[in-house]
Amino acid sequence: MDDCPEVVRLADLTYRELGFPQAGGAWTAAALTQLGRRLGQDANAFVIPEPGWPGRLASCAAVSLNQRLPSPANPTGMVAYVQWVGTVAHWRRRGFARAAMRALIEWCGEVGVGRVELHAAPLAAGLYRELGFTAASNPCMRLHLPLVRSP
């Protein structure tokens, strides 16, 4: 996908706005490599071109698929995780992120995903609720482990 650098650029802009200290760092090279390698397999990106700027994106939404073990709530175990939803500031509130998310949700249904998950920034929570997302009954918990580099 020729849009991979633009998708990562928008993701980085979003992380900067959310105050991530690592924004703009080396993660972008790894993100570009992974997105390019996984696109069309277990990942996809839905993009809205920036009007009047060929090759630039106004908005995007990316998703990765994860085959988890089945559960009563998700018998197939297939889960999609939405990431990198972002819109350039001057193009917000025009329906671009909504269009990208609708295309993403439709694609998830087409490939047999039983559950779509995301972490919502406060600014975007209303959009996600309008699209049918609800707060999970079990809170997300995390454990951050130090990265171990293999030789």
N, C-alpha and C. Protein backbone atom coordinates (compact mmCIF):
# COMPACT_ATOMS: atom_id res chain seq x y z
N MET A 1 0.85 -1.19 0.00
CA MET A 1 0.00 0.00 0.00
C MET A 1 0.89 1.23 0.00
N ASP A 2 0.67 2.07 -0.95
CA ASP A 2 1.45 3.30 -1.05
C ASP A 2 1.17 4.27 0.08
N ASP A 3 0.06 4.08 0.78
CA ASP A 3 -0.33 4.99 1.86
C ASP A 3 0.32 4.68 3.20
N CYS A 4 1.13 3.62 3.28
CA CYS A 4 1.71 3.24 4.57
C CYS A 4 2.44 4.38 5.27
N PRO A 5 3.32 5.13 4.60
CA PRO A 5 3.98 6.24 5.30
C PRO A 5 3.00 7.29 5.82
N GLU A 6 1.94 7.53 5.06
CA GLU A 6 0.94 8.51 5.51
C GLU A 6 0.14 7.99 6.70
N VAL A 7 -0.19 6.71 6.70
CA VAL A 7 -0.91 6.13 7.84
C VAL A 7 -0.07 6.26 9.10
N VAL A 8 1.21 5.94 9.00
CA VAL A 8 2.10 6.06 10.17
C VAL A 8 2.27 7.52 10.57
N ARG A 9 2.33 8.44 9.60
CA ARG A 9 2.42 9.88 9.92
C ARG A 9 1.21 10.32 10.72
N LEU A 10 0.01 9.91 10.30
CA LEU A 10 -1.19 10.29 11.04
C LEU A 10 -1.23 9.65 12.42
N ALA A 11 -0.77 8.41 12.51
CA ALA A 11 -0.71 7.75 13.83
C ALA A 11 0.21 8.53 14.75
N ASP A 12 1.36 8.94 14.23
CA ASP A 12 2.31 9.70 15.05
C ASP A 12 1.72 11.04 15.48
N LEU A 13 1.02 11.72 14.57
CA LEU A 13 0.36 12.99 14.94
C LEU A 13 -0.63 12.76 16.08
N THR A 14 -1.38 11.66 16.00
CA THR A 14 -2.35 11.35 17.05
C THR A 14 -1.65 11.09 18.37
N TYR A 15 -0.59 10.29 18.35
CA TYR A 15 0.16 10.02 19.58
C TYR A 15 0.73 11.31 20.18
N ARG A 16 1.21 12.21 19.34
CA ARG A 16 1.72 13.49 19.83
C ARG A 16 0.62 14.27 20.54
N GLU A 17 -0.56 14.33 19.92
CA GLU A 17 -1.68 15.05 20.52
C GLU A 17 -2.12 14.43 21.84
N LEU A 18 -1.96 13.12 21.96
CA LEU A 18 -2.34 12.44 23.20
C LEU A 18 -1.26 12.54 24.27
N GLY A 19 -0.11 13.14 23.92
CA GLY A 19 0.93 13.37 24.90
C GLY A 19 1.89 12.21 25.11
N PHE A 20 1.96 11.28 24.17
CA PHE A 20 2.90 10.17 24.30
C PHE A 20 4.33 10.69 24.18
N PRO A 21 5.18 10.44 25.17
CA PRO A 21 6.55 10.95 25.10
C PRO A 21 7.37 10.29 23.99
N GLN A 22 6.98 9.10 23.54
CA GLN A 22 7.73 8.39 22.51
C GLN A 22 7.33 8.81 21.10
N ALA A 23 6.33 9.67 20.96
CA ALA A 23 5.89 10.09 19.63
C ALA A 23 7.07 10.68 18.88
N GLY A 24 7.09 10.40 17.59
CA GLY A 24 8.17 10.90 16.76
C GLY A 24 9.45 10.09 16.87
N GLY A 25 9.42 9.01 17.62
CA GLY A 25 10.63 8.23 17.86
C GLY A 25 10.82 7.10 16.87
N ALA A 26 11.69 6.19 17.25
CA ALA A 26 12.07 5.07 16.39
C ALA A 26 10.92 4.10 16.14
N TRP A 27 9.86 4.18 16.91
CA TRP A 27 8.74 3.28 16.71
C TRP A 27 8.17 3.41 15.30
N THR A 28 8.30 4.59 14.68
CA THR A 28 7.69 4.80 13.37
C THR A 28 8.32 3.90 12.30
N ALA A 29 9.61 3.64 12.38
CA ALA A 29 10.25 2.74 11.41
C ALA A 29 9.71 1.33 11.56
N ALA A 30 9.58 0.86 12.80
CA ALA A 30 9.03 -0.47 13.04
C ALA A 30 7.57 -0.52 12.60
N ALA A 31 6.82 0.53 12.85
CA ALA A 31 5.42 0.58 12.45
C ALA A 31 5.28 0.50 10.94
N LEU A 32 6.11 1.23 10.24
CA LEU A 32 6.06 1.22 8.78
C LEU A 32 6.40 -0.16 8.23
N THR A 33 7.41 -0.80 8.79
CA THR A 33 7.81 -2.14 8.36
C THR A 33 6.69 -3.15 8.62
N GLN A 34 6.15 -3.13 9.83
CA GLN A 34 5.09 -4.09 10.16
C GLN A 34 3.83 -3.87 9.35
N LEU A 35 3.43 -2.62 9.22
CA LEU A 35 2.21 -2.33 8.45
C LEU A 35 2.38 -2.81 7.01
N GLY A 36 3.51 -2.51 6.41
CA GLY A 36 3.75 -2.94 5.03
C GLY A 36 3.77 -4.45 4.88
N ARG A 37 4.34 -5.14 5.85
CA ARG A 37 4.44 -6.60 5.80
C ARG A 37 3.10 -7.28 6.08
N ARG A 38 2.30 -6.72 6.98
CA ARG A 38 1.08 -7.39 7.44
C ARG A 38 -0.18 -6.96 6.70
N LEU A 39 -0.10 -5.86 5.97
CA LEU A 39 -1.27 -5.33 5.27
C LEU A 39 -1.87 -6.38 4.33
N GLY A 40 -3.17 -6.57 4.44
CA GLY A 40 -3.85 -7.54 3.61
C GLY A 40 -3.79 -8.95 4.16
N GLN A 41 -3.07 -9.14 5.25
CA GLN A 41 -3.02 -10.45 5.91
C GLN A 41 -3.79 -10.36 7.22
N ASP A 42 -3.09 -9.95 8.29
CA ASP A 42 -3.78 -9.81 9.58
C ASP A 42 -3.91 -8.34 9.99
N ALA A 43 -3.74 -7.45 9.03
CA ALA A 43 -3.90 -6.02 9.30
C ALA A 43 -4.46 -5.33 8.05
N ASN A 44 -5.14 -4.21 8.29
CA ASN A 44 -5.67 -3.43 7.20
C ASN A 44 -5.74 -1.97 7.64
N ALA A 45 -5.78 -1.08 6.68
CA ALA A 45 -5.92 0.35 6.97
C ALA A 45 -6.95 0.94 6.02
N PHE A 46 -7.76 1.81 6.54
CA PHE A 46 -8.82 2.45 5.78
C PHE A 46 -8.53 3.94 5.79
N VAL A 47 -8.42 4.51 4.60
CA VAL A 47 -7.89 5.87 4.48
C VAL A 47 -8.86 6.79 3.75
N ILE A 48 -8.76 8.06 4.09
CA ILE A 48 -9.50 9.12 3.42
C ILE A 48 -8.45 10.11 2.89
N PRO A 49 -8.36 10.25 1.57
CA PRO A 49 -7.37 11.17 1.00
C PRO A 49 -7.64 12.62 1.41
N GLU A 50 -6.58 13.41 1.50
CA GLU A 50 -6.74 14.82 1.82
C GLU A 50 -7.15 15.56 0.55
N PRO A 51 -8.32 16.18 0.55
CA PRO A 51 -8.79 16.88 -0.65
C PRO A 51 -7.77 17.93 -1.11
N GLY A 52 -7.44 17.88 -2.39
CA GLY A 52 -6.53 18.87 -2.96
C GLY A 52 -5.06 18.57 -2.75
N TRP A 53 -4.73 17.48 -2.06
CA TRP A 53 -3.33 17.13 -1.79
C TRP A 53 -3.08 15.68 -2.20
N PRO A 54 -2.81 15.43 -3.46
CA PRO A 54 -2.55 14.05 -3.90
C PRO A 54 -1.43 13.40 -3.09
N GLY A 55 -1.68 12.16 -2.67
CA GLY A 55 -0.68 11.42 -1.90
C GLY A 55 -0.71 11.68 -0.41
N ARG A 56 -1.53 12.62 0.04
CA ARG A 56 -1.63 12.90 1.48
C ARG A 56 -2.97 12.41 1.99
N LEU A 57 -2.99 11.99 3.26
CA LEU A 57 -4.23 11.52 3.87
C LEU A 57 -4.79 12.56 4.84
N ALA A 58 -6.10 12.67 4.86
CA ALA A 58 -6.78 13.51 5.83
C ALA A 58 -7.13 12.71 7.07
N SER A 59 -7.40 11.40 6.88
CA SER A 59 -7.83 10.57 8.00
C SER A 59 -7.53 9.11 7.70
N CYS A 60 -7.40 8.32 8.75
CA CYS A 60 -7.19 6.88 8.59
C CYS A 60 -7.62 6.15 9.85
N ALA A 61 -7.81 4.85 9.68
CA ALA A 61 -8.08 3.95 10.80
C ALA A 61 -7.44 2.61 10.44
N ALA A 62 -6.64 2.07 11.32
CA ALA A 62 -5.97 0.80 11.08
C ALA A 62 -6.49 -0.24 12.06
N VAL A 63 -6.37 -1.50 11.66
CA VAL A 63 -6.87 -2.60 12.48
C VAL A 63 -5.96 -3.80 12.31
N SER A 64 -5.78 -4.53 13.40
CA SER A 64 -5.03 -5.79 13.33
C SER A 64 -5.92 -6.90 13.88
N LEU A 65 -5.77 -8.08 13.31
CA LEU A 65 -6.57 -9.23 13.72
C LEU A 65 -5.76 -10.11 14.65
N ASN A 66 -6.45 -10.72 15.60
CA ASN A 66 -5.80 -11.58 16.57
C ASN A 66 -6.68 -12.80 16.78
N GLN A 67 -6.11 -13.97 16.57
CA GLN A 67 -6.85 -15.20 16.83
C GLN A 67 -6.60 -15.61 18.27
N ARG A 68 -7.58 -15.34 19.13
CA ARG A 68 -7.49 -15.74 20.52
C ARG A 68 -8.15 -17.09 20.69
N LEU A 69 -8.02 -17.63 21.87
CA LEU A 69 -8.73 -18.87 22.17
C LEU A 69 -10.22 -18.55 22.28
N PRO A 70 -11.09 -19.47 21.86
CA PRO A 70 -12.54 -19.23 21.94
C PRO A 70 -13.02 -19.05 23.38
N SER A 71 -14.14 -18.37 23.51
CA SER A 71 -14.78 -18.18 24.82
C SER A 71 -16.28 -18.17 24.60
N PRO A 72 -17.07 -18.28 25.67
CA PRO A 72 -18.52 -18.22 25.49
C PRO A 72 -18.97 -16.90 24.85
N ALA A 73 -18.27 -15.82 25.14
CA ALA A 73 -18.64 -14.52 24.59
C ALA A 73 -18.16 -14.33 23.16
N ASN A 74 -17.17 -15.12 22.73
CA ASN A 74 -16.63 -15.01 21.38
C ASN A 74 -16.21 -16.41 20.91
N PRO A 75 -17.18 -17.21 20.46
CA PRO A 75 -16.90 -18.61 20.13
C PRO A 75 -15.84 -18.82 19.04
N THR A 76 -15.66 -17.86 18.14
CA THR A 76 -14.62 -18.02 17.11
C THR A 76 -13.25 -17.63 17.65
N GLY A 77 -13.22 -16.79 18.67
CA GLY A 77 -11.96 -16.30 19.20
C GLY A 77 -11.32 -15.21 18.37
N MET A 78 -11.90 -14.86 17.22
CA MET A 78 -11.31 -13.83 16.36
C MET A 78 -11.65 -12.45 16.89
N VAL A 79 -10.61 -11.63 17.09
CA VAL A 79 -10.77 -10.28 17.63
C VAL A 79 -10.00 -9.31 16.75
N ALA A 80 -10.61 -8.18 16.49
CA ALA A 80 -9.94 -7.10 15.77
C ALA A 80 -9.63 -5.99 16.78
N TYR A 81 -8.44 -5.43 16.66
CA TYR A 81 -8.07 -4.31 17.52
C TYR A 81 -7.81 -3.09 16.65
N VAL A 82 -8.57 -2.04 16.91
CA VAL A 82 -8.49 -0.80 16.14
C VAL A 82 -7.38 0.08 16.71
N GLN A 83 -6.53 0.57 15.82
CA GLN A 83 -5.45 1.48 16.22
C GLN A 83 -5.34 2.60 15.20
N TRP A 84 -4.59 3.56 15.54
CA TRP A 84 -4.17 4.60 14.61
C TRP A 84 -5.33 5.30 13.91
N VAL A 85 -6.39 5.55 14.65
CA VAL A 85 -7.47 6.36 14.09
C VAL A 85 -7.05 7.81 14.28
N GLY A 86 -6.92 8.50 13.17
CA GLY A 86 -6.48 9.88 13.28
C GLY A 86 -6.96 10.71 12.11
N THR A 87 -7.17 11.98 12.38
CA THR A 87 -7.57 12.93 11.34
C THR A 87 -6.75 14.20 11.53
N VAL A 88 -6.24 14.71 10.43
CA VAL A 88 -5.50 15.98 10.47
C VAL A 88 -6.43 17.03 11.07
N ALA A 89 -5.91 17.86 11.97
CA ALA A 89 -6.74 18.78 12.75
C ALA A 89 -7.71 19.60 11.91
N HIS A 90 -7.27 20.19 10.82
CA HIS A 90 -8.17 21.07 10.06
C HIS A 90 -9.21 20.31 9.23
N TRP A 91 -9.18 18.98 9.24
CA TRP A 91 -10.19 18.18 8.54
C TRP A 91 -11.15 17.49 9.52
N ARG A 92 -11.05 17.78 10.79
CA ARG A 92 -11.92 17.13 11.77
C ARG A 92 -13.35 17.66 11.68
N ARG A 93 -14.26 16.84 12.20
CA ARG A 93 -15.69 17.16 12.28
C ARG A 93 -16.32 17.27 10.89
N ARG A 94 -15.78 16.51 9.94
CA ARG A 94 -16.33 16.47 8.58
C ARG A 94 -16.75 15.05 8.18
N GLY A 95 -16.67 14.11 9.14
CA GLY A 95 -17.10 12.75 8.87
C GLY A 95 -16.02 11.83 8.32
N PHE A 96 -14.78 12.30 8.27
CA PHE A 96 -13.71 11.48 7.69
C PHE A 96 -13.40 10.26 8.56
N ALA A 97 -13.20 10.46 9.86
CA ALA A 97 -12.91 9.33 10.75
C ALA A 97 -14.10 8.37 10.80
N ARG A 98 -15.30 8.90 10.77
CA ARG A 98 -16.50 8.07 10.76
C ARG A 98 -16.52 7.18 9.52
N ALA A 99 -16.20 7.75 8.35
CA ALA A 99 -16.18 6.97 7.11
C ALA A 99 -15.11 5.88 7.16
N ALA A 100 -13.93 6.23 7.66
CA ALA A 100 -12.85 5.23 7.77
C ALA A 100 -13.26 4.12 8.74
N MET A 101 -13.87 4.48 9.87
CA MET A 101 -14.29 3.47 10.84
C MET A 101 -15.43 2.60 10.31
N ARG A 102 -16.35 3.17 9.59
CA ARG A 102 -17.43 2.36 9.01
C ARG A 102 -16.87 1.34 8.03
N ALA A 103 -15.91 1.76 7.20
CA ALA A 103 -15.29 0.82 6.26
C ALA A 103 -14.53 -0.27 7.03
N LEU A 104 -13.85 0.11 8.10
CA LEU A 104 -13.12 -0.85 8.92
C LEU A 104 -14.08 -1.88 9.53
N ILE A 105 -15.17 -1.41 10.10
CA ILE A 105 -16.15 -2.30 10.74
C ILE A 105 -16.76 -3.24 9.70
N GLU A 106 -17.09 -2.71 8.53
CA GLU A 106 -17.65 -3.55 7.46
C GLU A 106 -16.66 -4.65 7.06
N TRP A 107 -15.39 -4.28 6.90
CA TRP A 107 -14.37 -5.26 6.54
C TRP A 107 -14.25 -6.33 7.62
N CYS A 108 -14.27 -5.92 8.89
CA CYS A 108 -14.18 -6.89 9.99
C CYS A 108 -15.31 -7.92 9.89
N GLY A 109 -16.50 -7.46 9.60
CA GLY A 109 -17.62 -8.38 9.43
C GLY A 109 -17.42 -9.32 8.26
N GLU A 110 -16.86 -8.80 7.18
CA GLU A 110 -16.63 -9.62 5.98
C GLU A 110 -15.61 -10.72 6.21
N VAL A 111 -14.62 -10.48 7.08
CA VAL A 111 -13.58 -11.49 7.32
C VAL A 111 -13.88 -12.37 8.53
N GLY A 112 -15.07 -12.23 9.12
CA GLY A 112 -15.50 -13.13 10.17
C GLY A 112 -15.07 -12.78 11.57
N VAL A 113 -14.80 -11.52 11.83
CA VAL A 113 -14.41 -11.09 13.17
C VAL A 113 -15.63 -11.08 14.08
N GLY A 114 -15.50 -11.65 15.27
CA GLY A 114 -16.59 -11.69 16.23
C GLY A 114 -16.60 -10.53 17.21
N ARG A 115 -15.47 -9.88 17.37
CA ARG A 115 -15.37 -8.78 18.34
C ARG A 115 -14.38 -7.75 17.81
N VAL A 116 -14.74 -6.47 17.96
CA VAL A 116 -13.85 -5.37 17.60
C VAL A 116 -13.61 -4.57 18.87
N GLU A 117 -12.34 -4.36 19.19
CA GLU A 117 -11.97 -3.65 20.41
C GLU A 117 -11.11 -2.44 20.07
N LEU A 118 -11.12 -1.46 20.95
CA LEU A 118 -10.26 -0.29 20.83
C LEU A 118 -10.14 0.40 22.17
N HIS A 119 -9.18 1.25 22.29
CA HIS A 119 -9.06 2.15 23.44
C HIS A 119 -9.39 3.55 22.92
N ALA A 120 -10.38 4.17 23.51
CA ALA A 120 -10.86 5.45 23.01
C ALA A 120 -10.26 6.62 23.76
N ALA A 121 -9.72 7.57 23.01
CA ALA A 121 -9.33 8.85 23.59
C ALA A 121 -10.61 9.60 23.92
N PRO A 122 -10.62 10.43 24.95
CA PRO A 122 -11.85 11.15 25.33
C PRO A 122 -12.48 11.91 24.16
N LEU A 123 -11.67 12.51 23.32
CA LEU A 123 -12.17 13.29 22.19
C LEU A 123 -12.95 12.43 21.20
N ALA A 124 -12.61 11.15 21.09
CA ALA A 124 -13.22 10.27 20.09
C ALA A 124 -14.28 9.33 20.66
N ALA A 125 -14.46 9.30 21.96
CA ALA A 125 -15.37 8.33 22.57
C ALA A 125 -16.80 8.47 22.05
N GLY A 126 -17.26 9.67 21.81
CA GLY A 126 -18.62 9.87 21.30
C GLY A 126 -18.81 9.24 19.93
N LEU A 127 -17.83 9.38 19.06
CA LEU A 127 -17.90 8.76 17.73
C LEU A 127 -18.01 7.25 17.86
N TYR A 128 -17.19 6.67 18.71
CA TYR A 128 -17.21 5.21 18.86
C TYR A 128 -18.55 4.73 19.43
N ARG A 129 -19.09 5.47 20.38
CA ARG A 129 -20.42 5.10 20.91
C ARG A 129 -21.47 5.16 19.80
N GLU A 130 -21.42 6.20 18.97
CA GLU A 130 -22.37 6.32 17.86
C GLU A 130 -22.25 5.15 16.89
N LEU A 131 -21.06 4.59 16.75
CA LEU A 131 -20.83 3.46 15.86
C LEU A 131 -21.19 2.12 16.51
N GLY A 132 -21.62 2.14 17.79
CA GLY A 132 -22.07 0.93 18.45
C GLY A 132 -21.12 0.34 19.48
N PHE A 133 -19.98 0.98 19.71
CA PHE A 133 -19.04 0.48 20.72
C PHE A 133 -19.59 0.79 22.10
N THR A 134 -19.34 -0.11 23.03
CA THR A 134 -19.75 0.07 24.42
C THR A 134 -18.54 -0.18 25.32
N ALA A 135 -18.61 0.35 26.53
CA ALA A 135 -17.53 0.11 27.49
C ALA A 135 -17.59 -1.35 27.95
N ALA A 136 -16.44 -1.97 28.04
CA ALA A 136 -16.37 -3.37 28.48
C ALA A 136 -16.65 -3.46 29.97
N SER A 137 -17.24 -4.57 30.37
CA SER A 137 -17.54 -4.76 31.79
C SER A 137 -16.28 -5.07 32.60
N ASN A 138 -15.28 -5.65 31.95
CA ASN A 138 -14.03 -5.94 32.63
C ASN A 138 -13.00 -4.89 32.25
N PRO A 139 -12.39 -4.23 33.23
CA PRO A 139 -11.43 -3.18 32.87
C PRO A 139 -10.16 -3.77 32.25
N CYS A 140 -9.56 -2.99 31.40
CA CYS A 140 -8.28 -3.38 30.81
C CYS A 140 -7.21 -3.25 31.89
N MET A 141 -6.40 -4.27 32.01
CA MET A 141 -5.27 -4.23 32.94
C MET A 141 -4.02 -4.54 32.13
N ARG A 142 -2.89 -3.95 32.52
CA ARG A 142 -1.66 -4.14 31.77
C ARG A 142 -0.50 -4.41 32.69
N LEU A 143 0.45 -5.11 32.15
CA LEU A 143 1.74 -5.32 32.78
C LEU A 143 2.78 -5.00 31.72
N HIS A 144 3.60 -4.02 31.97
CA HIS A 144 4.67 -3.66 31.03
C HIS A 144 5.95 -4.36 31.46
N LEU A 145 6.48 -5.17 30.56
CA LEU A 145 7.73 -5.88 30.82
C LEU A 145 8.86 -5.19 30.07
N PRO A 146 10.05 -5.26 30.60
CA PRO A 146 11.18 -4.67 29.87
C PRO A 146 11.42 -5.46 28.60
N LEU A 147 11.78 -4.76 27.54
CA LEU A 147 12.08 -5.42 26.28
C LEU A 147 13.39 -6.19 26.42
N VAL A 148 13.35 -7.44 26.02
CA VAL A 148 14.55 -8.28 26.05
C VAL A 148 15.03 -8.43 24.61
N ARG A 149 16.23 -8.03 24.37
CA ARG A 149 16.79 -8.11 23.03
C ARG A 149 17.50 -9.44 22.85
N SER A 150 17.15 -10.15 21.78
CA SER A 150 17.83 -11.43 21.53
C SER A 150 19.05 -11.18 20.63
N PRO A 151 20.08 -12.01 20.82
CA PRO A 151 21.32 -11.78 20.04
C PRO A 151 21.13 -12.06 18.56
